[in-house]
Amino acid sequence: MIKKIIVSACLLISFVSFAQQGTASPYSFFGIGDVRFKGTLENRSMAGVVVEQDSIHLNIENPASYASLGQTTFTVGGTFATSVLKTSEKSEKAQRTTFDYLAVGIPMGKFGAAFGLIPVSSVGYKIQNDNTATEGATSTQLQGTGGVNKVFFGLGYKIKKNWTVGADAQYNFGKITTTSLELVTGVQNATKETNASELSGVSFNIGTMYQTKIDKKLSLFTSLSYSFASTLNSVNTRIIAVDGDPDPYTAPSSNVDLKLPNKVTFAAGIGQERKWLVGTSMSFQGNGQLANYYNSADNVRYEKYQKYAVGGYYIPNYASFTSYMSRITYRAGLKYEKIGLIINNESINDVGMNLGAGIPLGNGSFSNVNVGLEFGKRGTVASNLVQENYFNFSLSFSFNDRWFVKSKFN
């Protein structure tokens, strides 16, 4: 197990070693950036529908799931993403490689524990307004990098065979750096403003999962999770420099408290265990106070986040010894999101589709390699905005083993 963890971690480090930023979205200019999906690839391949109390796959979206683990599980994942950024007049292509998560889940009788590292948001925009052909006109270039990550630790408890509860604590941290370059045509020196925000804060999440038999084969699965509103402290610094000036101005640092809103997610599904499942999920999030002094704008406001998804999986025959293809888990899902951002009176929405497969690693092993495809559209070209057409290829490793079990010898 330890060797597998080391190998998979090295593979993922190689996979993301050329990554410069976690997003290329111009919408990452606002708030704390482009908020990432905070689940495993198994769940993402079903558009985030997570309802089953799984004993071999780690579900890091609902801490109640930790109590259902039957084996120690290590999982790590990353994504290669491409997108076409389009306005009503032109389009540009972008690509990046991202680290998605690293987590470990450990069963402990009626309890289960998990800990790990997950990116929460990413900033990675470059916006240019070129008016250099016009004498006296102002040209600007805006660029941002960074984001917020979290480390978490959670516990789940099995109240009954079919009912679990759980909670986790998260420490959020990160840094966002933005630069603004302004040049007036005909004026020799440009002005550059650099802002840096060091972000940190604590948040908490609770959840419960329940399942029951409908008949001899079919089961009903339900899941409910709630994230409490929390504060993200931002320590801001600002440097303003003019080309040729050896003594830039450094403004006094300031503290701003960003308010992360509460969020509730409910999911339900029906299916036959280890065979198939179809489910749906709904997520709702309150209004946050996420604007910092360097990314606030009169034409921008925040609204309540909403997400609706349907998804599921199918396994032809998980116990087959004669057909390897029959043991592959096939997954799919559809999603619709209102990401909580309104620009020029246009609500920014995200519509996408996911496909994926869980490929077993040998006979008799619960470990697997997961691959996933995601494609969709975010934003619109209306009201002088940007539409993103994206395609993501994701890869993850999930290794299972029994820890803390004494060996027996005859």
Protein backbone atom coordinates (compact mmCIF):
# COMPACT_ATOMS: atom_id res chain seq x y z
CA MET A 1 0.00 0.00 0.00
CA ILE A 2 2.77 2.47 0.96
CA LYS A 3 4.62 1.76 -2.30
CA LYS A 4 1.41 2.36 -4.25
CA ILE A 5 0.89 5.68 -2.49
CA ILE A 6 4.43 6.79 -3.31
CA VAL A 7 4.16 5.72 -6.96
CA SER A 8 0.79 7.38 -7.49
CA ALA A 9 1.92 10.58 -5.79
CA CYS A 10 4.99 10.71 -8.04
CA LEU A 11 2.84 10.10 -11.11
CA LEU A 12 0.49 12.89 -10.15
CA ILE A 13 3.35 15.28 -9.39
CA SER A 14 4.68 14.56 -12.88
CA PHE A 15 1.16 15.04 -14.27
CA VAL A 16 0.80 18.52 -12.76
CA SER A 17 4.45 19.62 -12.70
CA PHE A 18 3.97 21.95 -15.66
CA ALA A 19 0.87 23.58 -14.17
CA GLN A 20 1.15 27.35 -13.82
CA GLN A 21 -2.39 28.08 -12.68
CA GLY A 22 -5.57 26.21 -11.87
CA THR A 23 -7.84 28.15 -14.22
CA ALA A 24 -7.83 30.33 -17.33
CA SER A 25 -11.27 31.83 -16.69
CA PRO A 26 -11.65 35.62 -16.81
CA TYR A 27 -14.40 35.16 -14.21
CA SER A 28 -11.70 34.16 -11.72
CA PHE A 29 -11.03 37.94 -11.41
CA PHE A 30 -13.96 38.16 -9.01
CA GLY A 31 -14.31 37.04 -5.39
CA ILE A 32 -11.73 34.42 -4.35
CA GLY A 33 -11.46 33.09 -7.90
CA ASP A 34 -12.92 30.20 -9.84
CA VAL A 35 -14.41 27.86 -7.20
CA ARG A 36 -13.30 24.28 -7.89
CA PHE A 37 -15.27 21.05 -7.58
CA LYS A 38 -14.27 19.68 -4.17
CA GLY A 39 -14.90 15.97 -4.64
CA THR A 40 -13.16 12.92 -6.09
CA LEU A 41 -13.18 12.01 -9.76
CA GLU A 42 -15.59 9.14 -9.07
CA ASN A 43 -18.14 11.70 -7.86
CA ARG A 44 -17.28 14.31 -10.46
CA SER A 45 -17.91 11.78 -13.25
CA MET A 46 -21.51 11.61 -12.02
CA ALA A 47 -21.80 15.44 -12.03
CA GLY A 48 -21.33 15.47 -8.26
CA VAL A 49 -24.22 13.14 -7.40
CA VAL A 50 -23.07 11.43 -4.18
CA VAL A 51 -25.66 9.30 -2.35
CA GLU A 52 -24.30 5.79 -1.76
CA GLN A 53 -22.54 4.66 1.42
CA ASP A 54 -19.51 3.30 -0.39
CA SER A 55 -17.08 0.98 1.38
CA ILE A 56 -14.16 1.27 -1.09
CA HIS A 57 -14.40 4.78 -2.59
CA LEU A 58 -13.69 7.89 -0.55
CA ASN A 59 -16.42 10.55 -0.63
CA ILE A 60 -14.89 13.83 0.59
CA GLU A 61 -18.05 15.89 0.06
CA ASN A 62 -20.06 14.36 2.91
CA PRO A 63 -18.12 13.39 6.07
CA ALA A 64 -20.84 10.90 7.06
CA SER A 65 -19.49 8.61 4.33
CA TYR A 66 -16.23 7.98 6.25
CA ALA A 67 -18.05 5.61 8.61
CA SER A 68 -18.90 3.29 5.69
CA LEU A 69 -15.30 2.63 4.64
CA GLY A 70 -14.32 -1.02 4.75
CA GLN A 71 -10.67 -0.54 3.83
CA THR A 72 -8.06 2.19 4.13
CA THR A 73 -8.32 4.26 0.97
CA PHE A 74 -5.76 6.59 -0.57
CA THR A 75 -6.85 8.70 -3.53
CA VAL A 76 -5.19 11.40 -5.61
CA GLY A 77 -6.31 13.15 -8.80
CA GLY A 78 -5.50 15.78 -11.41
CA THR A 79 -6.94 17.31 -14.58
CA PHE A 80 -5.76 18.50 -17.99
CA ALA A 81 -8.18 21.23 -19.06
CA THR A 82 -8.68 23.08 -22.33
CA SER A 83 -11.07 25.91 -23.08
CA VAL A 84 -12.09 28.32 -25.82
CA LEU A 85 -12.77 31.82 -24.52
CA LYS A 86 -15.16 33.55 -26.88
CA THR A 87 -16.66 37.03 -27.18
CA SER A 88 -18.99 38.34 -29.85
CA GLU A 89 -15.93 39.44 -31.87
CA LYS A 90 -13.11 36.92 -31.33
CA SER A 91 -11.97 33.82 -29.47
CA GLU A 92 -8.82 32.52 -27.79
CA LYS A 93 -7.69 29.06 -26.63
CA ALA A 94 -6.23 28.19 -23.23
CA GLN A 95 -5.03 25.06 -21.48
CA ARG A 96 -3.66 24.13 -18.07
CA THR A 97 -2.92 21.14 -15.83
CA THR A 98 -4.23 21.11 -12.28
CA PHE A 99 -3.90 19.19 -9.04
CA ASP A 100 -7.41 18.25 -7.81
CA TYR A 101 -7.09 16.45 -4.47
CA LEU A 102 -5.12 14.12 -2.23
CA ALA A 103 -6.93 12.30 0.59
CA VAL A 104 -6.75 9.28 2.88
CA GLY A 105 -9.72 7.53 4.54
CA ILE A 106 -9.32 5.07 7.43
CA PRO A 107 -12.05 2.76 8.82
CA MET A 108 -12.15 2.36 12.62
CA GLY A 109 -15.07 0.09 13.49
CA LYS A 110 -18.20 2.20 13.78
CA PHE A 111 -16.06 5.25 13.15
CA GLY A 112 -14.21 6.36 10.05
CA ALA A 113 -11.70 9.17 9.56
CA ALA A 114 -10.35 11.07 6.58
CA PHE A 115 -7.83 13.83 5.95
CA GLY A 116 -6.36 15.48 2.91
CA LEU A 117 -5.57 18.50 0.77
CA ILE A 118 -7.96 20.06 -1.76
CA PRO A 119 -7.80 23.24 -3.88
CA VAL A 120 -10.84 25.41 -3.11
CA SER A 121 -10.47 28.12 -5.76
CA SER A 122 -8.09 29.24 -8.48
CA VAL A 123 -7.21 32.61 -9.98
CA GLY A 124 -5.68 32.64 -13.47
CA TYR A 125 -6.83 35.44 -15.73
CA LYS A 126 -5.12 37.75 -18.20
CA ILE A 127 -7.30 40.54 -19.61
CA GLN A 128 -6.00 43.14 -22.04
CA ASN A 129 -7.58 46.29 -23.45
CA ASP A 130 -5.29 47.51 -26.22
CA ASN A 131 -5.78 51.11 -27.41
CA THR A 132 -2.16 51.85 -28.33
CA ALA A 133 -3.17 52.81 -31.90
CA THR A 134 -4.99 55.89 -30.58
CA GLU A 135 -2.93 58.85 -29.37
CA GLY A 136 -3.74 59.75 -25.76
CA ALA A 137 -5.86 56.62 -25.19
CA THR A 138 -5.34 54.38 -22.15
CA SER A 139 -4.44 50.71 -22.52
CA THR A 140 -4.71 48.31 -19.59
CA GLN A 141 -3.58 44.79 -18.80
CA LEU A 142 -4.92 42.85 -15.81
CA GLN A 143 -3.37 39.60 -14.61
CA GLY A 144 -4.03 37.39 -11.60
CA THR A 145 -2.63 34.16 -10.17
CA GLY A 146 -3.02 32.06 -7.04
CA GLY A 147 -6.01 30.72 -5.16
CA VAL A 148 -7.23 29.14 -1.96
CA ASN A 149 -6.55 25.59 -0.72
CA LYS A 150 -7.73 23.64 2.28
CA VAL A 151 -6.51 20.86 4.52
CA PHE A 152 -9.24 18.93 6.27
CA PHE A 153 -9.82 16.29 8.92
CA GLY A 154 -13.16 14.57 9.41
CA LEU A 155 -14.86 11.82 11.39
CA GLY A 156 -17.90 9.73 10.55
CA TYR A 157 -19.97 7.53 12.86
CA LYS A 158 -22.32 4.65 12.00
CA ILE A 159 -25.45 5.04 14.13
CA LYS A 160 -27.09 2.05 12.49
CA LYS A 161 -26.15 -0.25 9.65
CA ASN A 162 -27.88 2.03 7.16
CA TRP A 163 -27.48 5.44 8.85
CA THR A 164 -24.28 7.46 9.30
CA VAL A 165 -23.40 10.97 10.46
CA GLY A 166 -20.16 12.95 10.28
CA ALA A 167 -18.35 16.26 10.58
CA ASP A 168 -15.10 17.75 9.37
CA ALA A 169 -12.95 20.79 10.10
CA GLN A 170 -11.09 22.66 7.37
CA TYR A 171 -8.23 25.13 7.42
CA ASN A 172 -8.34 27.35 4.34
CA PHE A 173 -5.21 29.12 3.19
CA GLY A 174 -3.71 30.67 0.08
CA LYS A 175 -2.43 33.71 -1.75
CA ILE A 176 -3.85 35.73 -4.62
CA THR A 177 -1.60 38.10 -6.56
CA THR A 178 -2.93 40.58 -9.12
CA THR A 179 -1.19 43.12 -11.32
CA SER A 180 -2.66 46.06 -13.21
CA LEU A 181 -0.61 47.75 -15.92
CA GLU A 182 -1.77 51.08 -17.36
CA LEU A 183 -0.21 52.81 -20.35
CA VAL A 184 -1.25 56.04 -22.06
CA THR A 185 -0.31 56.20 -25.74
CA GLY A 186 2.27 58.95 -26.22
CA VAL A 187 3.38 58.86 -22.59
CA GLN A 188 6.71 57.12 -22.07
CA ASN A 189 6.22 55.52 -18.66
CA ALA A 190 3.57 52.99 -17.66
CA THR A 191 2.09 52.59 -14.18
CA LYS A 192 1.99 49.18 -12.51
CA GLU A 193 -0.02 48.25 -9.43
CA THR A 194 0.59 44.92 -7.68
CA ASN A 195 -1.78 43.59 -5.04
CA ALA A 196 -1.16 40.53 -2.88
CA SER A 197 -3.65 38.95 -0.49
CA GLU A 198 -2.68 36.33 2.09
CA LEU A 199 -5.84 34.37 2.92
CA SER A 200 -6.62 32.15 5.91
CA GLY A 201 -9.60 30.90 7.88
CA VAL A 202 -11.39 27.91 9.43
CA SER A 203 -14.66 26.32 8.28
CA PHE A 204 -16.82 23.36 9.29
CA ASN A 205 -19.05 20.88 7.51
CA ILE A 206 -21.56 18.29 8.79
CA GLY A 207 -23.51 15.58 7.02
CA THR A 208 -25.68 12.49 7.24
CA MET A 209 -26.44 9.58 4.90
CA TYR A 210 -29.28 7.06 5.03
CA GLN A 211 -30.26 4.13 2.85
CA THR A 212 -33.03 1.54 2.97
CA LYS A 213 -34.30 -1.39 0.94
CA ILE A 214 -37.26 -0.79 -1.37
CA ASP A 215 -37.54 -4.44 -2.35
CA LYS A 216 -35.24 -7.47 -2.55
CA LYS A 217 -32.88 -5.81 -5.03
CA LEU A 218 -33.56 -2.07 -5.06
CA SER A 219 -32.36 0.40 -2.43
CA LEU A 220 -33.12 4.06 -1.76
CA PHE A 221 -30.09 6.25 -0.99
CA THR A 222 -30.14 9.74 0.55
CA SER A 223 -27.46 12.25 1.53
CA LEU A 224 -27.57 15.65 3.26
CA SER A 225 -24.61 17.93 4.02
CA TYR A 226 -24.34 21.45 5.39
CA SER A 227 -21.39 23.86 5.34
CA PHE A 228 -21.50 26.62 7.93
CA ALA A 229 -20.86 30.25 6.98
CA SER A 230 -17.29 31.24 7.80
CA THR A 231 -14.77 34.05 7.58
CA LEU A 232 -11.70 34.18 5.39
CA ASN A 233 -9.22 36.79 6.60
CA SER A 234 -7.34 38.63 3.87
CA VAL A 235 -4.11 40.49 4.65
CA ASN A 236 -3.60 42.85 1.73
CA THR A 237 -0.50 44.63 0.46
CA ARG A 238 -0.24 47.06 -2.46
CA ILE A 239 2.76 48.32 -4.43
CA ILE A 240 2.49 51.08 -7.08
CA ALA A 241 5.41 51.67 -9.42
CA VAL A 242 6.14 53.81 -12.47
CA ASP A 243 8.59 52.65 -15.14
CA GLY A 244 11.98 54.16 -14.45
CA ASP A 245 11.14 55.04 -10.82
CA PRO A 246 13.55 53.16 -8.50
CA ASP A 247 11.44 53.88 -5.42
CA PRO A 248 7.92 52.38 -5.77
CA TYR A 249 5.19 53.33 -3.32
CA THR A 250 4.19 50.65 -0.83
CA ALA A 251 0.82 51.21 0.83
CA PRO A 252 0.24 50.19 4.45
CA SER A 253 -1.09 46.64 4.74
CA SER A 254 -4.77 46.18 5.55
CA ASN A 255 -7.03 43.39 6.81
CA VAL A 256 -10.35 42.50 5.19
CA ASP A 257 -12.74 39.78 6.37
CA LEU A 258 -14.37 37.96 3.45
CA LYS A 259 -17.61 36.16 4.28
CA LEU A 260 -18.00 32.64 2.88
CA PRO A 261 -21.72 31.75 2.79
CA ASN A 262 -23.44 28.66 4.16
CA LYS A 263 -24.25 25.83 1.75
CA VAL A 264 -26.66 22.91 1.84
CA THR A 265 -26.66 19.90 -0.49
CA PHE A 266 -29.32 17.21 -0.71
CA ALA A 267 -29.10 14.11 -2.90
CA ALA A 268 -31.26 11.04 -3.43
CA GLY A 269 -31.08 8.01 -5.69
CA ILE A 270 -32.26 4.48 -6.30
CA GLY A 271 -30.31 1.47 -7.47
CA GLN A 272 -28.98 -1.99 -6.93
CA GLU A 273 -25.80 -2.15 -4.86
CA ARG A 274 -22.64 -2.96 -6.86
CA LYS A 275 -24.73 -2.94 -10.05
CA TRP A 276 -26.30 0.41 -10.91
CA LEU A 277 -27.49 3.68 -9.44
CA VAL A 278 -29.37 6.75 -10.71
CA GLY A 279 -29.61 9.84 -8.54
CA THR A 280 -30.07 13.58 -8.37
CA SER A 281 -28.63 16.32 -6.20
CA MET A 282 -29.41 19.94 -5.41
CA SER A 283 -27.10 22.50 -3.81
CA PHE A 284 -27.96 25.97 -2.52
CA GLN A 285 -25.59 28.58 -1.15
CA GLY A 286 -26.28 31.97 0.36
CA ASN A 287 -24.87 35.33 -0.68
CA GLY A 288 -21.26 35.86 0.30
CA GLN A 289 -19.19 39.00 0.81
CA LEU A 290 -16.25 38.08 -1.39
CA ALA A 291 -15.21 41.35 -3.06
CA ASN A 292 -11.82 42.74 -2.12
CA TYR A 293 -10.74 46.31 -2.83
CA TYR A 294 -8.83 45.31 -5.97
CA ASN A 295 -11.62 43.29 -7.65
CA SER A 296 -14.82 45.16 -6.84
CA ALA A 297 -16.77 46.78 -9.68
CA ASP A 298 -20.00 48.76 -10.06
CA ASN A 299 -21.35 46.36 -12.72
CA VAL A 300 -20.80 43.24 -10.57
CA ARG A 301 -22.86 41.77 -7.77
CA TYR A 302 -23.21 38.37 -6.13
CA GLU A 303 -26.30 36.15 -5.95
CA LYS A 304 -27.20 32.83 -4.36
CA TYR A 305 -25.41 29.82 -5.81
CA GLN A 306 -27.52 26.93 -7.12
CA LYS A 307 -26.65 23.58 -8.65
CA TYR A 308 -28.86 20.81 -10.03
CA ALA A 309 -27.43 17.51 -11.22
CA VAL A 310 -28.42 14.01 -12.29
CA GLY A 311 -25.98 11.13 -12.55
CA GLY A 312 -25.23 7.52 -11.89
CA TYR A 313 -23.12 4.45 -12.60
CA TYR A 314 -23.39 0.98 -14.07
CA ILE A 315 -21.26 -2.14 -13.42
CA PRO A 316 -22.01 -5.10 -15.75
CA ASN A 317 -20.69 -7.70 -13.26
CA TYR A 318 -18.37 -6.54 -10.48
CA ALA A 319 -17.53 -10.15 -9.44
CA SER A 320 -16.71 -11.50 -12.89
CA PHE A 321 -13.51 -13.56 -13.19
CA THR A 322 -13.83 -14.15 -16.94
CA SER A 323 -14.54 -10.67 -18.31
CA TYR A 324 -12.35 -7.75 -17.28
CA MET A 325 -14.62 -5.25 -19.08
CA SER A 326 -17.57 -6.42 -16.99
CA ARG A 327 -15.84 -5.21 -13.82
CA ILE A 328 -15.35 -1.65 -15.10
CA THR A 329 -17.59 0.99 -13.51
CA TYR A 330 -19.18 3.28 -16.13
CA ARG A 331 -20.33 6.72 -14.91
CA ALA A 332 -22.18 9.70 -16.38
CA GLY A 333 -23.88 12.90 -15.23
CA LEU A 334 -25.41 16.24 -16.25
CA LYS A 335 -25.26 19.52 -14.30
CA TYR A 336 -26.65 23.04 -14.31
CA GLU A 337 -25.07 25.71 -12.09
CA LYS A 338 -25.71 29.33 -11.27
CA ILE A 339 -22.22 30.16 -10.02
CA GLY A 340 -23.40 33.12 -7.92
CA LEU A 341 -22.04 35.95 -10.07
CA ILE A 342 -23.95 38.66 -11.97
CA ILE A 343 -22.08 40.92 -14.43
CA ASN A 344 -23.78 43.60 -16.55
CA ASN A 345 -27.11 42.21 -15.24
CA GLU A 346 -26.28 38.78 -16.72
CA SER A 347 -26.27 35.77 -14.40
CA ILE A 348 -23.23 33.57 -15.11
CA ASN A 349 -24.31 29.94 -15.55
CA ASP A 350 -22.44 26.69 -16.14
CA VAL A 351 -23.98 23.76 -18.04
CA GLY A 352 -21.96 20.57 -18.46
CA MET A 353 -21.84 16.82 -19.01
CA ASN A 354 -19.55 14.22 -17.42
CA LEU A 355 -18.45 10.74 -18.50
CA GLY A 356 -16.10 8.44 -16.64
CA ALA A 357 -14.85 4.95 -15.96
CA GLY A 358 -13.34 3.17 -12.96
CA ILE A 359 -10.80 0.59 -14.14
CA PRO A 360 -9.88 -2.19 -11.65
CA LEU A 361 -6.21 -2.89 -10.95
CA GLY A 362 -6.05 -6.66 -11.27
CA ASN A 363 -8.27 -9.51 -10.08
CA GLY A 364 -9.31 -9.52 -6.45
CA SER A 365 -8.28 -5.90 -5.88
CA PHE A 366 -10.58 -3.01 -4.98
CA SER A 367 -7.98 -0.49 -6.13
CA ASN A 368 -8.63 1.27 -9.42
CA VAL A 369 -7.63 3.94 -11.89
CA ASN A 370 -10.34 6.43 -12.78
CA VAL A 371 -10.59 8.47 -15.97
CA GLY A 372 -13.13 11.20 -16.63
CA LEU A 373 -14.24 13.57 -19.38
CA GLU A 374 -16.13 16.80 -18.80
CA PHE A 375 -17.37 19.26 -21.38
CA GLY A 376 -19.69 22.21 -21.16
CA LYS A 377 -20.29 25.93 -21.40
CA ARG A 378 -19.96 28.74 -18.87
CA GLY A 379 -21.01 32.34 -19.32
CA THR A 380 -22.39 34.11 -22.38
CA VAL A 381 -21.31 36.44 -25.18
CA ALA A 382 -24.27 38.73 -24.44
CA SER A 383 -23.70 42.12 -22.76
CA ASN A 384 -20.02 42.18 -23.82
CA LEU A 385 -19.17 39.14 -21.71
CA VAL A 386 -17.10 36.01 -22.31
CA GLN A 387 -18.35 32.49 -23.00
CA GLU A 388 -16.12 29.57 -22.03
CA ASN A 389 -16.45 26.30 -23.92
CA TYR A 390 -14.39 23.81 -21.90
CA PHE A 391 -13.17 20.23 -22.15
CA ASN A 392 -11.45 18.50 -19.22
CA PHE A 393 -9.64 15.17 -19.03
CA SER A 394 -9.15 13.92 -15.47
CA LEU A 395 -7.13 11.05 -14.03
CA SER A 396 -7.10 9.65 -10.50
CA PHE A 397 -5.72 6.70 -8.55
CA SER A 398 -7.61 5.03 -5.72
CA PHE A 399 -5.75 2.40 -3.66
CA ASN A 400 -7.36 0.22 -1.01
CA ASP A 401 -5.79 -1.94 1.68
CA ARG A 402 -6.37 -3.15 5.23
CA TRP A 403 -4.34 -1.37 7.90
CA PHE A 404 -3.98 -2.16 11.61
CA VAL A 405 -4.85 -5.84 11.05
CA LYS A 406 -2.58 -8.40 12.74
CA SER A 407 -1.15 -11.08 10.49
CA LYS A 408 -2.06 -14.67 11.39
CA PHE A 409 0.26 -17.62 10.93
CA ASN A 410 -0.54 -21.34 11.21
